[in-house]
Amino acid sequence: MEFMKIGNRVFDTRNHTYIMGILNVTPDSFSDGGAFQAIDKALYKVQQMVEEGAHILDIGGESTRPGHQQVEVYEEIERVLPIIERVVKEFDIPISIDTYKSQVAKAALSAGACMVNDIWGLGFDSQMVNVIREANASVCLMHNRHSIPEQEAKDQFLDNVIKALQESIQKAEQGGISSNKIMIDPGVGFGKTYEQNLTIIGSLSRFTELSYPVLLGTSRKSVIGLTLDLPITQREEGTLVTTVMAVMAGCSFVRVHDVEKNRRAIDMTKAILRP
């Protein structure tokens, strides 16, 4: 897929790596829980990310960190809707809603979001594909699983992840979502061991070969903290390394907290790789 449509934008996914800026309007996200629940603080963060070069905003109202507490639908909607409405009014940037619940997605898309970032790849809520299709929205299909097999060889693991992503793609397309509105995410940090997370990052070309835009989301995650023995506040350099690897492997998007530093890393890597 050479181009992807998200809202009113067309992304050249073959030749560029775009930045998805993270905005968590939750009290308990692993990295910035509670920091942007107030609308004025959230809008200030949005302005900062836009000025620093974000191409998409990913707004989430429920933390999906390991061991997170599931939030009721009405509460998740109450968290995300006011900020989506204000961002749509005040900024010209596509908005992704980070949710796996169709009711939340429907409310967010009605308020002006144009993509759903589903951590269960359409596997949690059977109505999600219909909501996305009816809104003519885009989708990010992430790999996830409830449990990790006790014995899973490296090649078998990668094959299993790819097979699951292909099943999510098939579900999306059979549900009426256009192929040029689908991206995939191998799901670093979700249903994987530490070693398997490193394997994903080191095998990104396996995913870009699937001919769909690939998003890599590693920002400040535990795989970096465990590797470098660092707390969440000191994982930016590790994140930048994974962003460089994403560019080199041909990933089309990276989902990050620090937009400016990652944009610089992308620009430098692209300059080196440019023929």
Protein backbone atom coordinates (compact mmCIF):
# COMPACT_ATOMS: atom_id res chain seq x y z
CA MET A 1 0.00 0.00 0.00
CA GLU A 2 1.64 3.24 -1.15
CA PHE A 3 -0.92 5.64 0.31
CA MET A 4 -3.23 5.68 3.31
CA LYS A 5 -6.28 7.90 3.80
CA ILE A 6 -6.87 9.22 7.31
CA GLY A 7 -9.58 11.85 7.51
CA ASN A 8 -8.93 14.48 4.85
CA ARG A 9 -5.24 13.63 4.61
CA VAL A 10 -3.42 11.26 2.29
CA PHE A 11 -0.23 9.78 3.72
CA ASP A 12 2.60 8.61 1.46
CA THR A 13 3.30 5.48 3.45
CA ARG A 14 5.96 4.13 1.10
CA ASN A 15 8.35 7.07 1.35
CA HIS A 16 7.75 8.64 4.75
CA THR A 17 7.60 7.78 8.44
CA TYR A 18 4.92 9.87 10.12
CA ILE A 19 4.48 10.70 13.79
CA MET A 20 1.45 9.82 15.86
CA GLY A 21 1.53 11.93 19.02
CA ILE A 22 0.16 10.36 22.21
CA LEU A 23 -2.39 12.18 24.36
CA ASN A 24 -3.65 10.17 27.33
CA VAL A 25 -6.58 11.79 29.12
CA THR A 26 -6.47 9.23 31.90
CA PRO A 27 -5.50 9.28 35.57
CA ASP A 28 -3.43 6.11 35.38
CA SER A 29 -1.46 5.82 32.14
CA PHE A 30 1.98 4.33 32.75
CA SER A 31 3.88 7.34 31.40
CA ASP A 32 1.81 10.47 31.91
CA GLY A 33 -1.22 9.44 33.96
CA GLY A 34 -3.24 12.41 35.14
CA ALA A 35 -1.05 14.99 33.40
CA PHE A 36 -3.54 15.94 30.69
CA GLN A 37 -6.97 15.32 32.20
CA ALA A 38 -7.64 19.08 32.47
CA ILE A 39 -8.71 20.41 29.09
CA ASP A 40 -6.41 23.45 29.16
CA LYS A 41 -3.37 21.24 29.86
CA ALA A 42 -4.44 18.78 27.17
CA LEU A 43 -4.85 21.56 24.60
CA TYR A 44 -1.46 23.01 25.49
CA LYS A 45 0.08 19.57 24.92
CA VAL A 46 -1.74 19.26 21.58
CA GLN A 47 -0.44 22.65 20.47
CA GLN A 48 3.07 21.63 21.45
CA MET A 49 2.87 18.35 19.52
CA VAL A 50 1.43 20.04 16.43
CA GLU A 51 4.17 22.68 16.46
CA GLU A 52 6.82 19.98 16.89
CA GLY A 53 5.60 18.10 13.81
CA ALA A 54 2.97 15.54 14.80
CA HIS A 55 0.94 14.27 11.85
CA ILE A 56 -1.80 12.48 13.84
CA LEU A 57 -3.02 12.65 17.43
CA ASP A 58 -3.93 9.46 19.29
CA ILE A 59 -6.30 10.27 22.13
CA GLY A 60 -7.04 7.64 24.76
CA GLY A 61 -9.40 7.56 27.73
CA GLU A 62 -8.37 4.21 29.22
CA SER A 63 -4.91 3.11 30.19
CA THR A 64 -3.91 -0.18 28.54
CA ARG A 65 -0.75 -0.68 30.57
CA PRO A 66 -0.23 -4.20 32.01
CA GLY A 67 -2.71 -4.81 34.83
CA HIS A 68 -4.85 -1.82 33.91
CA GLN A 69 -8.37 -1.43 35.28
CA GLN A 70 -11.06 -1.46 32.60
CA VAL A 71 -13.07 1.75 32.44
CA GLU A 72 -16.85 1.87 31.94
CA VAL A 73 -17.93 3.01 28.48
CA TYR A 74 -19.71 6.14 29.73
CA GLU A 75 -16.64 7.24 31.72
CA GLU A 76 -14.29 6.69 28.79
CA ILE A 77 -16.59 8.76 26.57
CA GLU A 78 -16.75 11.52 29.18
CA ARG A 79 -12.96 11.65 29.25
CA VAL A 80 -12.29 11.80 25.52
CA LEU A 81 -15.23 13.66 23.99
CA PRO A 82 -14.55 17.18 25.35
CA ILE A 83 -10.93 17.14 24.22
CA ILE A 84 -11.77 15.69 20.78
CA GLU A 85 -14.39 18.39 20.22
CA ARG A 86 -11.95 21.15 21.20
CA VAL A 87 -9.08 19.77 19.13
CA VAL A 88 -11.32 19.50 16.05
CA LYS A 89 -12.40 23.11 16.58
CA GLU A 90 -8.95 24.57 17.21
CA PHE A 91 -6.46 22.44 15.25
CA ASP A 92 -6.17 20.99 11.76
CA ILE A 93 -4.84 17.51 12.49
CA PRO A 94 -6.36 14.02 12.12
CA ILE A 95 -7.47 12.42 15.38
CA SER A 96 -7.25 8.74 16.25
CA ILE A 97 -9.30 7.38 19.14
CA ASP A 98 -7.41 4.77 21.13
CA THR A 99 -10.18 2.36 22.14
CA TYR A 100 -11.35 -1.22 21.63
CA LYS A 101 -15.01 -0.47 22.50
CA SER A 102 -17.41 0.28 19.65
CA GLN A 103 -19.59 2.66 21.67
CA VAL A 104 -16.60 4.81 22.55
CA ALA A 105 -15.39 4.69 18.95
CA LYS A 106 -18.82 5.72 17.64
CA ALA A 107 -18.99 8.72 19.99
CA ALA A 108 -15.44 9.78 19.16
CA LEU A 109 -15.92 9.44 15.40
CA SER A 110 -19.16 11.43 15.61
CA ALA A 111 -17.24 14.15 17.48
CA GLY A 112 -14.63 14.44 14.73
CA ALA A 113 -12.08 11.64 15.16
CA CYS A 114 -11.30 9.86 11.89
CA MET A 115 -9.44 6.73 12.94
CA VAL A 116 -9.77 3.98 15.54
CA ASN A 117 -6.65 2.56 17.15
CA ASP A 118 -7.88 -0.85 18.34
CA ILE A 119 -5.44 -2.76 20.56
CA TRP A 120 -7.42 -5.95 19.95
CA GLY A 121 -7.42 -5.71 16.14
CA LEU A 122 -11.25 -5.89 15.91
CA GLY A 123 -11.22 -8.99 18.11
CA PHE A 124 -12.81 -7.58 21.28
CA ASP A 125 -16.05 -5.94 20.13
CA SER A 126 -17.98 -7.47 17.24
CA GLN A 127 -19.63 -4.14 16.42
CA MET A 128 -16.37 -2.23 16.00
CA VAL A 129 -15.91 -3.04 12.30
CA ASN A 130 -19.46 -1.81 11.56
CA VAL A 131 -18.89 1.45 13.45
CA ILE A 132 -15.67 2.12 11.53
CA ARG A 133 -17.25 1.28 8.17
CA GLU A 134 -20.34 3.41 8.76
CA ALA A 135 -18.18 6.39 9.74
CA ASN A 136 -15.94 5.83 6.69
CA ALA A 137 -13.05 5.93 9.15
CA SER A 138 -9.57 4.41 9.16
CA VAL A 139 -8.27 1.78 11.56
CA CYS A 140 -5.05 0.64 13.19
CA LEU A 141 -5.14 -3.11 13.82
CA MET A 142 -2.83 -4.12 16.65
CA HIS A 143 -1.71 -7.62 17.57
CA ASN A 144 -2.62 -8.68 21.09
CA ARG A 145 -3.38 -11.90 22.94
CA HIS A 146 -4.71 -12.91 26.33
CA SER A 147 -1.92 -15.34 27.20
CA ILE A 148 1.62 -16.20 26.16
CA PRO A 149 2.31 -19.81 25.13
CA GLU A 150 4.85 -21.51 27.40
CA GLN A 151 7.00 -22.74 24.54
CA GLU A 152 7.10 -20.67 21.38
CA ALA A 153 10.16 -20.62 19.13
CA LYS A 154 11.22 -17.30 17.62
CA ASP A 155 10.12 -18.14 14.07
CA GLN A 156 6.87 -19.68 15.32
CA PHE A 157 6.18 -16.57 17.38
CA LEU A 158 6.65 -14.24 14.41
CA ASP A 159 4.52 -16.49 12.21
CA ASN A 160 1.75 -16.46 14.84
CA VAL A 161 1.79 -12.66 15.09
CA ILE A 162 1.68 -12.25 11.32
CA LYS A 163 -1.15 -14.80 10.99
CA ALA A 164 -3.19 -12.99 13.64
CA LEU A 165 -2.64 -9.63 11.92
CA GLN A 166 -3.68 -11.12 8.58
CA GLU A 167 -6.88 -12.39 10.23
CA SER A 168 -7.57 -8.88 11.56
CA ILE A 169 -6.98 -7.42 8.08
CA GLN A 170 -9.37 -9.97 6.58
CA LYS A 171 -12.00 -9.13 9.19
CA ALA A 172 -11.64 -5.43 8.41
CA GLU A 173 -11.85 -5.81 4.65
CA GLN A 174 -14.71 -8.30 4.76
CA GLY A 175 -16.48 -5.85 7.07
CA GLY A 176 -16.31 -3.16 4.41
CA ILE A 177 -13.26 -1.13 5.48
CA SER A 178 -11.22 -0.04 2.46
CA SER A 179 -7.71 -1.46 2.27
CA ASN A 180 -6.27 2.07 1.95
CA LYS A 181 -7.69 2.89 5.38
CA ILE A 182 -5.92 0.08 7.27
CA MET A 183 -2.60 0.10 9.12
CA ILE A 184 -1.15 -2.63 11.32
CA ASP A 185 0.77 -2.62 14.60
CA PRO A 186 2.74 -5.69 15.81
CA GLY A 187 1.88 -4.72 19.38
CA VAL A 188 5.10 -4.28 21.34
CA GLY A 189 4.31 -4.74 25.01
CA PHE A 190 1.04 -6.59 24.51
CA GLY A 191 0.84 -10.36 25.10
CA LYS A 192 4.59 -10.83 24.62
CA THR A 193 7.63 -11.64 26.70
CA TYR A 194 10.57 -9.25 27.01
CA GLU A 195 12.53 -11.31 24.47
CA GLN A 196 9.58 -11.40 22.07
CA ASN A 197 9.26 -7.61 22.23
CA LEU A 198 12.92 -7.32 21.20
CA THR A 199 12.26 -9.85 18.44
CA ILE A 200 9.41 -7.72 17.07
CA ILE A 201 11.58 -4.59 16.98
CA GLY A 202 14.40 -6.51 15.31
CA SER A 203 12.08 -8.11 12.74
CA LEU A 204 10.03 -5.12 11.57
CA SER A 205 10.75 -5.89 7.91
CA ARG A 206 8.64 -9.05 8.28
CA PHE A 207 5.66 -6.78 8.95
CA THR A 208 6.37 -4.12 6.31
CA GLU A 209 6.44 -6.97 3.77
CA LEU A 210 2.70 -7.49 4.38
CA SER A 211 2.02 -4.48 2.12
CA TYR A 212 0.08 -2.50 4.73
CA PRO A 213 1.41 0.57 6.54
CA VAL A 214 3.07 -0.46 9.81
CA LEU A 215 2.92 1.54 13.03
CA LEU A 216 5.51 0.94 15.74
CA GLY A 217 4.59 1.88 19.30
CA THR A 218 7.47 1.48 21.73
CA SER A 219 7.61 4.89 23.39
CA ARG A 220 8.93 4.61 26.97
CA LYS A 221 7.71 1.01 27.21
CA SER A 222 8.99 -1.64 29.62
CA VAL A 223 11.12 -3.36 26.96
CA ILE A 224 13.28 -0.23 26.98
CA GLY A 225 13.22 0.10 30.76
CA LEU A 226 14.23 -3.54 31.25
CA THR A 227 16.99 -3.36 28.66
CA LEU A 228 18.57 -0.19 30.02
CA ASP A 229 17.44 -0.56 33.65
CA LEU A 230 15.83 2.87 33.56
CA PRO A 231 12.61 4.40 34.94
CA ILE A 232 9.89 5.69 32.61
CA THR A 233 11.20 9.27 32.75
CA GLN A 234 14.59 8.24 31.33
CA ARG A 235 13.64 6.04 28.37
CA GLU A 236 13.74 8.62 25.57
CA GLU A 237 17.09 7.60 24.07
CA GLY A 238 15.95 3.99 23.93
CA THR A 239 12.74 5.11 22.23
CA LEU A 240 14.73 7.07 19.64
CA VAL A 241 16.75 3.96 18.76
CA THR A 242 13.55 2.04 18.05
CA THR A 243 12.26 4.93 15.92
CA VAL A 244 15.45 4.82 13.83
CA MET A 245 14.97 1.07 13.38
CA ALA A 246 11.36 1.69 12.33
CA VAL A 247 12.50 4.12 9.62
CA MET A 248 15.18 1.73 8.39
CA ALA A 249 12.65 -1.11 8.17
CA GLY A 250 10.15 1.00 6.22
CA CYS A 251 7.54 1.55 8.94
CA SER A 252 5.08 4.28 8.02
CA PHE A 253 4.19 5.54 11.50
CA VAL A 254 5.65 5.73 15.00
CA ARG A 255 3.51 6.38 18.06
CA VAL A 256 5.47 8.52 20.53
CA HIS A 257 5.27 10.86 23.52
CA ASP A 258 8.15 13.18 22.58
CA VAL A 259 7.33 14.41 19.09
CA GLU A 260 10.25 16.78 18.50
CA LYS A 261 13.08 14.38 19.37
CA ASN A 262 11.54 11.57 17.33
CA ARG A 263 10.95 13.86 14.35
CA ARG A 264 14.63 14.82 14.42
CA ALA A 265 15.65 11.16 14.62
CA ILE A 266 13.41 10.38 11.63
CA ASP A 267 14.74 13.30 9.59
CA MET A 268 18.37 12.36 10.28
CA THR A 269 17.79 8.70 9.42
CA LYS A 270 15.98 9.60 6.22
CA ALA A 271 18.82 11.92 5.20
CA ILE A 272 21.36 9.13 5.64
CA LEU A 273 19.22 6.59 3.75
CA ARG A 274 18.34 8.96 0.91
CA PRO A 275 19.91 7.71 -2.38
